[in-house]
Amino acid sequence: QVQLVESGGGLVQPGGSLRLSCATSGSIFSINGMGWYRQAPGNQRELVAVIRSGGITNYADSVKGRFTISRDKNMVYLQMNSLKPEDTAVYYCNTYPYPLLANQPWGQGTQVTVSS
């Protein structure tokens, strides 16, 4: 069964930090690259961080130097520092690239709100 469960979001002040977690179930997550995506209200879902086989990471310019993606067995993490109001969004994890399967599901996501 293919399943993703994101957690760790919340309300944080500008400049604060959060660590998001993603629990994965299914072999497609363990043998492929993984990414964190986010979707703000009225916007399309965007890719913010990728971790490929071998641990190579890439980041969107908007989060470079502030976010760090990592993985350990069936877990994928996103450490977010120096948060800005524009980071406010629902955050999701999934394979990179996406999709690898027909009708590949998304998890419920985790809400991150950066506000004073």
N, C-alpha and C. Protein backbone atom coordinates (compact mmCIF):
# COMPACT_ATOMS: atom_id res chain seq x y z
N GLN A 1 0.84 -1.18 0.00
CA GLN A 1 0.00 0.00 0.00
C GLN A 1 0.88 1.24 0.00
N VAL A 2 0.54 2.18 -0.85
CA VAL A 2 1.29 3.43 -0.97
C VAL A 2 0.64 4.47 -0.07
N GLN A 3 1.41 5.00 0.87
CA GLN A 3 0.84 5.95 1.82
C GLN A 3 1.89 6.93 2.29
N LEU A 4 1.46 8.16 2.52
CA LEU A 4 2.31 9.23 3.02
C LEU A 4 1.57 9.92 4.16
N VAL A 5 2.28 10.20 5.24
CA VAL A 5 1.70 10.94 6.36
C VAL A 5 2.67 12.02 6.79
N GLU A 6 2.28 13.28 6.55
CA GLU A 6 3.10 14.42 6.92
C GLU A 6 2.69 14.95 8.29
N SER A 7 3.67 15.48 9.02
CA SER A 7 3.39 16.06 10.33
C SER A 7 4.45 17.09 10.67
N GLY A 8 4.20 17.84 11.73
CA GLY A 8 5.19 18.78 12.23
C GLY A 8 4.91 20.24 11.94
N GLY A 9 3.86 20.52 11.19
CA GLY A 9 3.54 21.90 10.90
C GLY A 9 2.97 22.63 12.10
N GLY A 10 2.74 23.92 11.92
CA GLY A 10 2.18 24.72 13.00
C GLY A 10 2.31 26.19 12.71
N LEU A 11 2.02 26.98 13.74
CA LEU A 11 2.13 28.43 13.67
C LEU A 11 3.46 28.85 14.28
N VAL A 12 4.22 29.63 13.55
CA VAL A 12 5.52 30.06 14.03
C VAL A 12 5.73 31.52 13.64
N GLN A 13 6.49 32.24 14.45
CA GLN A 13 6.77 33.65 14.14
C GLN A 13 7.86 33.74 13.07
N PRO A 14 7.89 34.82 12.34
CA PRO A 14 8.98 35.03 11.37
C PRO A 14 10.34 34.88 12.05
N GLY A 15 11.23 34.18 11.36
CA GLY A 15 12.54 33.91 11.93
C GLY A 15 12.62 32.61 12.70
N GLY A 16 11.48 32.00 12.94
CA GLY A 16 11.45 30.75 13.70
C GLY A 16 11.78 29.54 12.86
N SER A 17 11.69 28.38 13.51
CA SER A 17 12.05 27.11 12.87
C SER A 17 10.97 26.07 13.10
N LEU A 18 10.88 25.15 12.16
CA LEU A 18 10.02 23.98 12.27
C LEU A 18 10.73 22.80 11.61
N ARG A 19 10.41 21.61 12.07
CA ARG A 19 10.91 20.40 11.42
C ARG A 19 9.72 19.55 11.00
N LEU A 20 9.57 19.36 9.72
CA LEU A 20 8.50 18.54 9.18
C LEU A 20 8.97 17.11 9.02
N SER A 21 8.04 16.18 9.23
CA SER A 21 8.33 14.76 9.05
C SER A 21 7.35 14.15 8.07
N CYS A 22 7.80 13.16 7.36
CA CYS A 22 6.95 12.43 6.41
C CYS A 22 7.22 10.94 6.58
N ALA A 23 6.19 10.22 6.99
CA ALA A 23 6.30 8.77 7.11
C ALA A 23 5.77 8.13 5.83
N THR A 24 6.58 7.31 5.21
CA THR A 24 6.19 6.72 3.93
C THR A 24 5.97 5.22 4.06
N SER A 25 5.07 4.72 3.26
CA SER A 25 4.80 3.28 3.19
C SER A 25 4.68 2.90 1.73
N GLY A 26 5.54 2.01 1.28
CA GLY A 26 5.53 1.61 -0.13
C GLY A 26 6.92 1.67 -0.70
N SER A 27 7.24 0.70 -1.52
CA SER A 27 8.62 0.59 -2.02
C SER A 27 9.01 1.74 -2.94
N ILE A 28 8.04 2.39 -3.58
CA ILE A 28 8.42 3.47 -4.49
C ILE A 28 9.07 4.62 -3.74
N PHE A 29 8.80 4.72 -2.46
CA PHE A 29 9.39 5.81 -1.68
C PHE A 29 10.79 5.49 -1.22
N SER A 30 11.10 4.22 -1.06
CA SER A 30 12.41 3.85 -0.54
C SER A 30 13.46 3.74 -1.64
N ILE A 31 13.05 3.58 -2.89
CA ILE A 31 14.03 3.35 -3.95
C ILE A 31 14.14 4.53 -4.91
N ASN A 32 13.37 5.58 -4.66
CA ASN A 32 13.40 6.74 -5.55
C ASN A 32 13.73 8.01 -4.77
N GLY A 33 14.01 9.06 -5.52
CA GLY A 33 14.19 10.34 -4.89
C GLY A 33 12.90 10.81 -4.23
N MET A 34 13.04 11.66 -3.26
CA MET A 34 11.88 12.21 -2.56
C MET A 34 11.95 13.73 -2.56
N GLY A 35 10.79 14.34 -2.52
CA GLY A 35 10.73 15.78 -2.51
C GLY A 35 9.72 16.31 -1.51
N TRP A 36 9.96 17.51 -1.06
CA TRP A 36 8.95 18.27 -0.31
C TRP A 36 8.37 19.31 -1.26
N TYR A 37 7.06 19.39 -1.25
CA TYR A 37 6.32 20.31 -2.09
C TYR A 37 5.47 21.18 -1.16
N ARG A 38 5.04 22.34 -1.68
CA ARG A 38 4.14 23.16 -0.88
C ARG A 38 3.13 23.85 -1.79
N GLN A 39 2.00 24.15 -1.20
CA GLN A 39 0.94 24.85 -1.93
C GLN A 39 0.34 25.91 -1.04
N ALA A 40 0.48 27.14 -1.47
CA ALA A 40 -0.12 28.27 -0.77
C ALA A 40 -1.50 28.55 -1.39
N PRO A 41 -2.39 29.18 -0.64
CA PRO A 41 -3.73 29.46 -1.16
C PRO A 41 -3.67 30.22 -2.48
N GLY A 42 -4.39 29.73 -3.47
CA GLY A 42 -4.44 30.39 -4.76
C GLY A 42 -3.26 30.10 -5.67
N ASN A 43 -2.31 29.31 -5.18
CA ASN A 43 -1.11 29.01 -5.97
C ASN A 43 -1.06 27.53 -6.34
N GLN A 44 -0.27 27.23 -7.35
CA GLN A 44 -0.05 25.84 -7.70
C GLN A 44 0.95 25.21 -6.73
N ARG A 45 0.91 23.91 -6.64
CA ARG A 45 1.87 23.20 -5.81
C ARG A 45 3.26 23.37 -6.42
N GLU A 46 4.24 23.65 -5.58
CA GLU A 46 5.59 23.85 -6.06
C GLU A 46 6.56 22.96 -5.29
N LEU A 47 7.64 22.61 -5.98
CA LEU A 47 8.68 21.79 -5.39
C LEU A 47 9.66 22.69 -4.65
N VAL A 48 9.98 22.36 -3.40
CA VAL A 48 10.91 23.21 -2.65
C VAL A 48 12.23 22.50 -2.33
N ALA A 49 12.22 21.18 -2.23
CA ALA A 49 13.45 20.48 -1.88
C ALA A 49 13.39 19.04 -2.39
N VAL A 50 14.55 18.55 -2.81
CA VAL A 50 14.66 17.19 -3.34
C VAL A 50 15.86 16.49 -2.71
N ILE A 51 15.70 15.21 -2.42
CA ILE A 51 16.84 14.38 -2.04
C ILE A 51 16.84 13.16 -2.95
N ARG A 52 17.94 13.00 -3.66
CA ARG A 52 18.02 11.94 -4.65
C ARG A 52 18.79 10.75 -4.08
N SER A 53 18.83 9.69 -4.83
CA SER A 53 19.64 8.54 -4.45
C SER A 53 21.08 9.01 -4.27
N GLY A 54 21.71 8.54 -3.22
CA GLY A 54 23.07 8.96 -2.91
C GLY A 54 23.12 10.18 -2.03
N GLY A 55 21.95 10.71 -1.70
CA GLY A 55 21.90 11.83 -0.76
C GLY A 55 22.09 13.20 -1.36
N ILE A 56 22.11 13.28 -2.69
CA ILE A 56 22.26 14.59 -3.34
C ILE A 56 20.99 15.40 -3.14
N THR A 57 21.15 16.66 -2.74
CA THR A 57 20.00 17.51 -2.47
C THR A 57 19.98 18.72 -3.39
N ASN A 58 18.77 19.19 -3.65
CA ASN A 58 18.57 20.41 -4.43
C ASN A 58 17.43 21.19 -3.79
N TYR A 59 17.50 22.52 -3.92
CA TYR A 59 16.51 23.38 -3.30
C TYR A 59 16.04 24.46 -4.26
N ALA A 60 14.80 24.86 -4.07
CA ALA A 60 14.32 26.04 -4.78
C ALA A 60 15.09 27.25 -4.29
N ASP A 61 15.28 28.21 -5.16
CA ASP A 61 16.04 29.40 -4.78
C ASP A 61 15.43 30.10 -3.57
N SER A 62 14.12 30.04 -3.46
CA SER A 62 13.43 30.76 -2.38
C SER A 62 13.72 30.19 -1.00
N VAL A 63 14.20 28.94 -0.93
CA VAL A 63 14.45 28.33 0.38
C VAL A 63 15.91 27.94 0.57
N LYS A 64 16.71 28.14 -0.44
CA LYS A 64 18.12 27.73 -0.36
C LYS A 64 18.82 28.42 0.80
N GLY A 65 19.55 27.65 1.58
CA GLY A 65 20.26 28.20 2.73
C GLY A 65 19.42 28.25 3.99
N ARG A 66 18.12 28.00 3.88
CA ARG A 66 17.24 28.04 5.04
C ARG A 66 16.61 26.68 5.34
N PHE A 67 16.36 25.89 4.31
CA PHE A 67 15.72 24.58 4.46
C PHE A 67 16.74 23.49 4.21
N THR A 68 16.56 22.36 4.92
CA THR A 68 17.41 21.19 4.73
C THR A 68 16.55 19.94 4.67
N ILE A 69 16.67 19.19 3.59
CA ILE A 69 15.94 17.93 3.45
C ILE A 69 16.85 16.78 3.81
N SER A 70 16.29 15.78 4.46
CA SER A 70 17.04 14.58 4.81
C SER A 70 16.09 13.39 4.83
N ARG A 71 16.67 12.20 4.87
CA ARG A 71 15.84 11.00 4.93
C ARG A 71 16.55 9.93 5.75
N ASP A 72 15.75 9.07 6.35
CA ASP A 72 16.27 7.98 7.16
C ASP A 72 15.26 6.84 7.09
N LYS A 73 15.64 5.78 6.42
CA LYS A 73 14.75 4.62 6.21
C LYS A 73 13.45 5.09 5.55
N ASN A 74 12.33 4.94 6.20
CA ASN A 74 11.06 5.29 5.57
C ASN A 74 10.60 6.70 5.93
N MET A 75 11.47 7.50 6.52
CA MET A 75 11.13 8.86 6.93
C MET A 75 11.86 9.89 6.07
N VAL A 76 11.17 10.97 5.79
CA VAL A 76 11.77 12.10 5.09
C VAL A 76 11.50 13.34 5.95
N TYR A 77 12.50 14.19 6.09
CA TYR A 77 12.40 15.35 6.97
C TYR A 77 12.67 16.64 6.19
N LEU A 78 12.13 17.73 6.71
CA LEU A 78 12.44 19.05 6.19
C LEU A 78 12.66 19.97 7.38
N GLN A 79 13.90 20.34 7.60
CA GLN A 79 14.24 21.32 8.63
C GLN A 79 14.12 22.70 8.01
N MET A 80 13.28 23.53 8.61
CA MET A 80 13.03 24.86 8.07
C MET A 80 13.46 25.90 9.10
N ASN A 81 14.43 26.71 8.74
CA ASN A 81 14.93 27.77 9.61
C ASN A 81 14.67 29.13 8.98
N SER A 82 14.78 30.16 9.79
CA SER A 82 14.61 31.54 9.30
C SER A 82 13.33 31.67 8.48
N LEU A 83 12.25 31.17 9.02
CA LEU A 83 10.99 31.15 8.28
C LEU A 83 10.47 32.55 8.00
N LYS A 84 9.84 32.69 6.84
CA LYS A 84 9.28 33.96 6.39
C LYS A 84 7.78 33.80 6.18
N PRO A 85 7.04 34.88 6.22
CA PRO A 85 5.59 34.79 5.96
C PRO A 85 5.28 34.13 4.61
N GLU A 86 6.13 34.34 3.63
CA GLU A 86 5.88 33.74 2.32
C GLU A 86 6.11 32.23 2.29
N ASP A 87 6.60 31.67 3.39
CA ASP A 87 6.71 30.20 3.48
C ASP A 87 5.39 29.56 3.91
N THR A 88 4.42 30.38 4.25
CA THR A 88 3.11 29.87 4.66
C THR A 88 2.48 29.06 3.54
N ALA A 89 2.14 27.81 3.84
CA ALA A 89 1.58 26.91 2.83
C ALA A 89 1.27 25.57 3.50
N VAL A 90 0.59 24.72 2.76
CA VAL A 90 0.47 23.32 3.14
C VAL A 90 1.65 22.59 2.50
N TYR A 91 2.37 21.83 3.30
CA TYR A 91 3.56 21.12 2.84
C TYR A 91 3.26 19.64 2.68
N TYR A 92 3.74 19.09 1.57
CA TYR A 92 3.53 17.69 1.23
C TYR A 92 4.87 17.05 0.87
N CYS A 93 4.97 15.76 1.10
CA CYS A 93 6.11 15.03 0.55
C CYS A 93 5.59 14.03 -0.47
N ASN A 94 6.44 13.67 -1.40
CA ASN A 94 6.13 12.67 -2.39
C ASN A 94 7.40 12.33 -3.16
N THR A 95 7.28 11.41 -4.09
CA THR A 95 8.46 11.04 -4.86
C THR A 95 8.91 12.22 -5.72
N TYR A 96 10.18 12.21 -6.07
CA TYR A 96 10.69 13.07 -7.11
C TYR A 96 11.46 12.19 -8.08
N PRO A 97 11.03 12.21 -9.34
CA PRO A 97 9.93 12.98 -9.88
C PRO A 97 8.57 12.42 -9.48
N TYR A 98 7.55 13.24 -9.70
CA TYR A 98 6.17 12.84 -9.44
C TYR A 98 5.39 12.98 -10.72
N PRO A 99 4.49 12.07 -11.07
CA PRO A 99 4.24 10.80 -10.41
C PRO A 99 5.06 9.66 -11.02
N LEU A 100 5.16 8.60 -10.26
CA LEU A 100 5.79 7.39 -10.77
C LEU A 100 4.76 6.30 -11.04
N LEU A 101 3.59 6.46 -10.44
CA LEU A 101 2.50 5.50 -10.61
C LEU A 101 1.27 6.24 -11.11
N ALA A 102 0.41 5.53 -11.79
CA ALA A 102 -0.89 6.09 -12.13
C ALA A 102 -1.67 6.34 -10.84
N ASN A 103 -2.30 7.51 -10.77
CA ASN A 103 -3.11 7.87 -9.59
C ASN A 103 -2.29 7.83 -8.29
N GLN A 104 -1.04 8.17 -8.37
CA GLN A 104 -0.20 8.17 -7.17
C GLN A 104 -0.75 9.18 -6.17
N PRO A 105 -1.03 8.75 -4.96
CA PRO A 105 -1.72 9.64 -4.02
C PRO A 105 -0.79 10.65 -3.36
N TRP A 106 -1.41 11.70 -2.87
CA TRP A 106 -0.76 12.65 -1.97
C TRP A 106 -1.25 12.37 -0.55
N GLY A 107 -0.46 12.75 0.43
CA GLY A 107 -0.90 12.71 1.80
C GLY A 107 -1.80 13.90 2.10
N GLN A 108 -2.15 14.04 3.37
CA GLN A 108 -3.04 15.14 3.75
C GLN A 108 -2.29 16.46 3.86
N GLY A 109 -0.97 16.38 3.91
CA GLY A 109 -0.17 17.59 4.06
C GLY A 109 -0.14 18.07 5.51
N THR A 110 0.73 19.04 5.76
CA THR A 110 0.81 19.66 7.08
C THR A 110 0.90 21.17 6.89
N GLN A 111 0.08 21.89 7.61
CA GLN A 111 -0.03 23.35 7.45
C GLN A 111 1.10 24.05 8.20
N VAL A 112 1.78 24.92 7.50
CA VAL A 112 2.79 25.80 8.10
C VAL A 112 2.32 27.23 7.93
N THR A 113 2.21 27.93 9.04
CA THR A 113 1.79 29.33 9.03
C THR A 113 2.85 30.16 9.72
N VAL A 114 3.39 31.12 9.00
CA VAL A 114 4.43 32.00 9.54
C VAL A 114 3.81 33.38 9.69
N SER A 115 3.63 33.80 10.92
CA SER A 115 2.95 35.05 11.18
C SER A 115 3.29 35.54 12.58
N SER A 116 3.34 36.87 12.70
CA SER A 116 3.56 37.46 14.01
C SER A 116 2.23 37.78 14.69
